[in-house]
Amino acid sequence: MGVKLFLIRHGQTDSNVEGRYQGSLETNLTEKGMEQAAAAKKYLSKVKFSGIYSSPLKRAMQSAAIIAKDSGLEIKVRKDLREINFGKWEGMRFEEINSKYRQDYQDWLADPYNNSPTGGESFGSVIERASKTVKDVVAKNPDGSSVAIITHGGVILALIVNWLQIPSQCWRSLIQRQGAINIVVVDRDFPYISSINYTGHISSVYDDSEDRVIEIYSKIKEQD
């Protein structure tokens, strides 16, 4: 059966609302973000986790604490589950970055595997460290067990892109909403992905508010 991974993106933060790159910056969950984490906990209430792992960044740890409450499990922090380091872009809005660091930004949007944010980390580096950490998590948990991993949108996308062997320049074709749940069974190093970006636990009625980031990127990214 392998090990079942529940990859959960942290809940909403003020920077998410304002459309700012967070990266390694420490930000807190909003009230809505805490509600999103609580909704994930409720949705997964029948899952008996053998382990709960988290990025060391505060927004992920706050989400993990909500999900782990009353489970009796200690949250295991893994530094390589942290978000992409966006370097000089951190704390800035999309449009600001495109104005101040236009060439770097356009190069990164076109090929994030080989190009890094200004003073930051390449997508290839994130794929390498995140994949290594998840392999270690799988190795440390028994066959047939379930594991919760609370991390960031960029890290989750890095893992999915790697598992599905999607060209790295297409990574932004995948969306990760705040509080989204992704379910993957890793059996003998092979990933069986049964859910990507599931958010039905947060709202039973479709809300396109978070999808507006697609419009922002569509306007900013130069056409080939």
Protein backbone atom coordinates (compact mmCIF):
# COMPACT_ATOMS: atom_id res chain seq x y z
CA MET A 1 0.00 0.00 0.00
CA GLY A 2 2.86 2.41 0.69
CA VAL A 3 2.60 5.58 2.77
CA LYS A 4 -0.31 7.97 2.25
CA LEU A 5 0.74 11.63 2.31
CA PHE A 6 -1.68 14.44 3.01
CA LEU A 7 0.10 17.54 1.71
CA ILE A 8 -1.67 20.55 3.19
CA ARG A 9 -1.01 24.16 2.30
CA HIS A 10 -1.05 26.55 5.27
CA GLY A 11 -4.04 28.85 5.79
CA GLN A 12 -4.43 32.42 4.64
CA THR A 13 -2.13 35.21 5.84
CA ASP A 14 -2.30 38.99 5.44
CA SER A 15 0.41 38.74 2.78
CA ASN A 16 -1.79 36.32 0.82
CA VAL A 17 -4.63 38.82 0.96
CA GLU A 18 -2.35 41.67 -0.15
CA GLY A 19 -0.78 39.65 -2.99
CA ARG A 20 2.77 39.73 -1.61
CA TYR A 21 5.52 37.13 -1.93
CA GLN A 22 6.23 35.71 1.52
CA GLY A 23 8.97 33.18 1.00
CA SER A 24 11.10 32.98 4.14
CA LEU A 25 9.34 35.91 5.82
CA GLU A 26 7.46 35.14 9.03
CA THR A 27 3.75 35.90 8.74
CA ASN A 28 0.76 34.94 10.89
CA LEU A 29 -2.50 33.30 9.89
CA THR A 30 -5.53 35.53 9.57
CA GLU A 31 -8.76 34.51 11.27
CA LYS A 32 -9.86 33.04 7.94
CA GLY A 33 -6.55 31.17 7.74
CA MET A 34 -7.18 29.57 11.13
CA GLU A 35 -10.67 28.59 9.98
CA GLN A 36 -9.18 26.96 6.86
CA ALA A 37 -6.80 24.89 8.99
CA ALA A 38 -9.66 23.91 11.31
CA ALA A 39 -11.70 22.84 8.28
CA ALA A 40 -8.81 20.63 7.14
CA LYS A 41 -8.64 19.06 10.60
CA LYS A 42 -12.38 18.32 10.55
CA TYR A 43 -12.25 16.88 7.04
CA LEU A 44 -9.38 14.56 8.04
CA SER A 45 -10.84 13.67 11.44
CA LYS A 46 -11.20 9.97 10.58
CA VAL A 47 -7.59 9.65 9.42
CA LYS A 48 -5.26 8.13 12.00
CA PHE A 49 -1.94 9.80 11.36
CA SER A 50 1.33 8.13 12.24
CA GLY A 51 3.14 11.45 11.97
CA ILE A 52 2.55 15.16 11.46
CA TYR A 53 5.32 17.17 9.81
CA SER A 54 5.62 20.90 9.22
CA SER A 55 7.70 23.63 7.68
CA PRO A 56 9.42 25.70 10.39
CA LEU A 57 7.78 28.92 9.20
CA LYS A 58 5.18 30.35 11.55
CA ARG A 59 2.19 30.24 9.18
CA ALA A 60 2.75 26.52 8.59
CA MET A 61 3.40 25.80 12.27
CA GLN A 62 0.19 27.61 13.26
CA SER A 63 -1.75 25.54 10.73
CA ALA A 64 -0.06 22.34 11.91
CA ALA A 65 -0.88 23.11 15.56
CA ILE A 66 -4.57 23.35 14.70
CA ILE A 67 -4.50 20.12 12.68
CA ALA A 68 -2.49 18.26 15.35
CA LYS A 69 -4.64 19.37 18.30
CA ASP A 70 -5.89 16.44 20.42
CA SER A 71 -4.07 13.94 18.19
CA GLY A 72 -1.43 13.18 20.80
CA LEU A 73 1.23 13.57 18.11
CA GLU A 74 4.22 15.88 18.28
CA ILE A 75 4.71 18.11 15.25
CA LYS A 76 7.98 17.16 13.57
CA VAL A 77 9.65 20.20 12.01
CA ARG A 78 11.62 19.76 8.81
CA LYS A 79 13.55 22.83 7.64
CA ASP A 80 13.53 21.72 4.00
CA LEU A 81 9.73 21.97 3.92
CA ARG A 82 10.11 25.77 4.11
CA GLU A 83 8.84 27.92 1.26
CA ILE A 84 10.95 29.05 -1.70
CA ASN A 85 13.39 31.80 -0.74
CA PHE A 86 12.32 34.70 -2.94
CA GLY A 87 15.31 36.84 -2.03
CA LYS A 88 14.79 40.55 -2.68
CA TRP A 89 11.22 39.95 -3.84
CA GLU A 90 9.96 38.98 -0.40
CA GLY A 91 7.32 41.35 0.95
CA MET A 92 6.71 42.84 -2.49
CA ARG A 93 3.59 42.67 -4.67
CA PHE A 94 3.65 41.02 -8.09
CA GLU A 95 3.46 44.32 -9.97
CA GLU A 96 6.23 45.88 -7.87
CA ILE A 97 8.59 43.02 -8.63
CA ASN A 98 7.81 43.20 -12.33
CA SER A 99 8.60 46.91 -12.27
CA LYS A 100 11.78 46.86 -10.17
CA TYR A 101 13.26 43.50 -11.23
CA ARG A 102 11.53 43.04 -14.57
CA GLN A 103 14.13 40.97 -16.43
CA ASP A 104 14.81 38.69 -13.46
CA TYR A 105 11.08 38.24 -12.92
CA GLN A 106 10.31 37.45 -16.55
CA ASP A 107 13.25 35.02 -16.75
CA TRP A 108 12.00 33.27 -13.61
CA LEU A 109 8.42 33.05 -14.84
CA ALA A 110 9.65 31.56 -18.14
CA ASP A 111 12.07 29.04 -16.59
CA PRO A 112 12.08 28.87 -12.77
CA TYR A 113 14.21 25.73 -12.80
CA ASN A 114 17.31 27.48 -14.14
CA ASN A 115 16.53 31.04 -13.05
CA SER A 116 16.24 32.25 -9.48
CA PRO A 117 14.38 35.17 -7.91
CA THR A 118 16.78 38.10 -7.41
CA GLY A 119 19.04 36.93 -4.58
CA GLY A 120 16.82 33.90 -3.99
CA GLU A 121 16.47 30.20 -4.69
CA SER A 122 15.74 28.35 -7.92
CA PHE A 123 12.74 26.04 -8.34
CA GLY A 124 15.20 23.23 -9.06
CA SER A 125 16.72 23.66 -5.62
CA VAL A 126 13.27 23.50 -4.01
CA ILE A 127 12.43 20.32 -5.93
CA GLU A 128 15.68 18.71 -4.75
CA ARG A 129 15.35 19.54 -1.04
CA ALA A 130 11.61 18.92 -0.80
CA SER A 131 11.82 15.57 -2.61
CA LYS A 132 14.68 14.43 -0.39
CA THR A 133 12.75 15.35 2.76
CA VAL A 134 9.57 13.58 1.64
CA LYS A 135 11.52 10.44 0.76
CA ASP A 136 12.94 10.53 4.28
CA VAL A 137 9.46 10.95 5.78
CA VAL A 138 8.14 8.00 3.76
CA ALA A 139 11.10 5.85 4.87
CA LYS A 140 10.49 6.68 8.54
CA ASN A 141 6.78 5.71 8.53
CA PRO A 142 5.39 2.17 8.29
CA ASP A 143 3.78 0.75 5.19
CA GLY A 144 0.05 1.49 5.15
CA SER A 145 0.35 4.53 7.40
CA SER A 146 -0.93 8.07 6.84
CA VAL A 147 1.16 11.22 7.29
CA ALA A 148 0.20 14.90 7.34
CA ILE A 149 2.69 17.37 5.88
CA ILE A 150 1.84 21.05 6.39
CA THR A 151 3.87 23.23 4.09
CA HIS A 152 3.68 25.88 1.35
CA GLY A 153 2.27 26.27 -2.12
CA GLY A 154 5.67 26.40 -3.80
CA VAL A 155 6.87 23.26 -2.03
CA ILE A 156 3.73 21.30 -2.89
CA LEU A 157 3.97 22.38 -6.54
CA ALA A 158 7.65 21.36 -6.60
CA LEU A 159 6.74 17.86 -5.42
CA ILE A 160 3.84 17.45 -7.87
CA VAL A 161 5.89 18.77 -10.81
CA ASN A 162 8.64 16.30 -9.95
CA TRP A 163 6.30 13.34 -9.44
CA LEU A 164 4.40 13.95 -12.68
CA GLN A 165 7.53 15.02 -14.58
CA ILE A 166 5.82 18.19 -15.73
CA PRO A 167 8.18 20.64 -17.49
CA SER A 168 9.32 23.05 -14.80
CA GLN A 169 8.34 26.08 -16.86
CA CYS A 170 4.72 24.90 -16.58
CA TRP A 171 4.70 24.83 -12.76
CA ARG A 172 2.37 27.81 -12.60
CA SER A 173 -0.21 25.81 -14.56
CA LEU A 174 -0.94 24.13 -11.21
CA ILE A 175 -2.81 26.04 -8.52
CA GLN A 176 -2.60 25.62 -4.75
CA ARG A 177 -5.27 27.45 -2.80
CA GLN A 178 -4.81 28.37 0.84
CA GLY A 179 -5.69 25.41 3.05
CA ALA A 180 -5.78 23.01 0.07
CA ILE A 181 -5.32 19.26 0.61
CA ASN A 182 -3.38 17.02 -1.78
CA ILE A 183 -3.37 13.23 -1.32
CA VAL A 184 -0.54 11.03 -2.60
CA VAL A 185 0.32 7.41 -1.86
CA VAL A 186 4.01 6.70 -2.32
CA ASP A 187 4.61 2.98 -2.81
CA ARG A 188 8.12 1.75 -3.63
CA ASP A 189 9.05 5.27 -4.76
CA PHE A 190 6.08 5.48 -7.15
CA PRO A 191 3.48 8.23 -6.49
CA TYR A 192 -0.25 7.55 -6.84
CA ILE A 193 -1.91 10.96 -6.76
CA SER A 194 -5.61 10.87 -5.90
CA SER A 195 -6.26 14.54 -5.08
CA ILE A 196 -4.69 17.86 -6.06
CA ASN A 197 -5.72 21.24 -4.62
CA TYR A 198 -8.88 19.92 -2.92
CA THR A 199 -10.74 22.70 -1.07
CA GLY A 200 -14.26 21.29 -0.72
CA HIS A 201 -13.72 21.15 3.05
CA ILE A 202 -13.39 24.94 3.17
CA SER A 203 -16.44 25.91 1.14
CA SER A 204 -19.19 23.81 -0.36
CA VAL A 205 -19.96 26.64 -2.80
CA TYR A 206 -17.46 27.70 -5.46
CA ASP A 207 -15.64 30.94 -4.71
CA ASP A 208 -13.27 32.33 -7.35
CA SER A 209 -11.54 34.88 -5.09
CA GLU A 210 -8.22 33.00 -4.95
CA ASP A 211 -8.28 32.24 -8.67
CA ARG A 212 -7.79 35.93 -9.40
CA VAL A 213 -4.05 35.38 -9.09
CA ILE A 214 -4.31 33.69 -12.50
CA GLU A 215 -5.37 36.98 -14.04
CA ILE A 216 -2.45 38.77 -12.36
CA TYR A 217 0.12 36.33 -13.73
CA SER A 218 -1.51 36.33 -17.14
CA LYS A 219 -1.08 40.10 -17.36
CA ILE A 220 2.47 40.14 -15.99
CA LYS A 221 4.05 37.23 -17.88
CA GLU A 222 5.38 38.24 -21.26
CA GLN A 223 4.08 36.23 -24.18
CA ASP A 224 6.50 33.88 -25.92
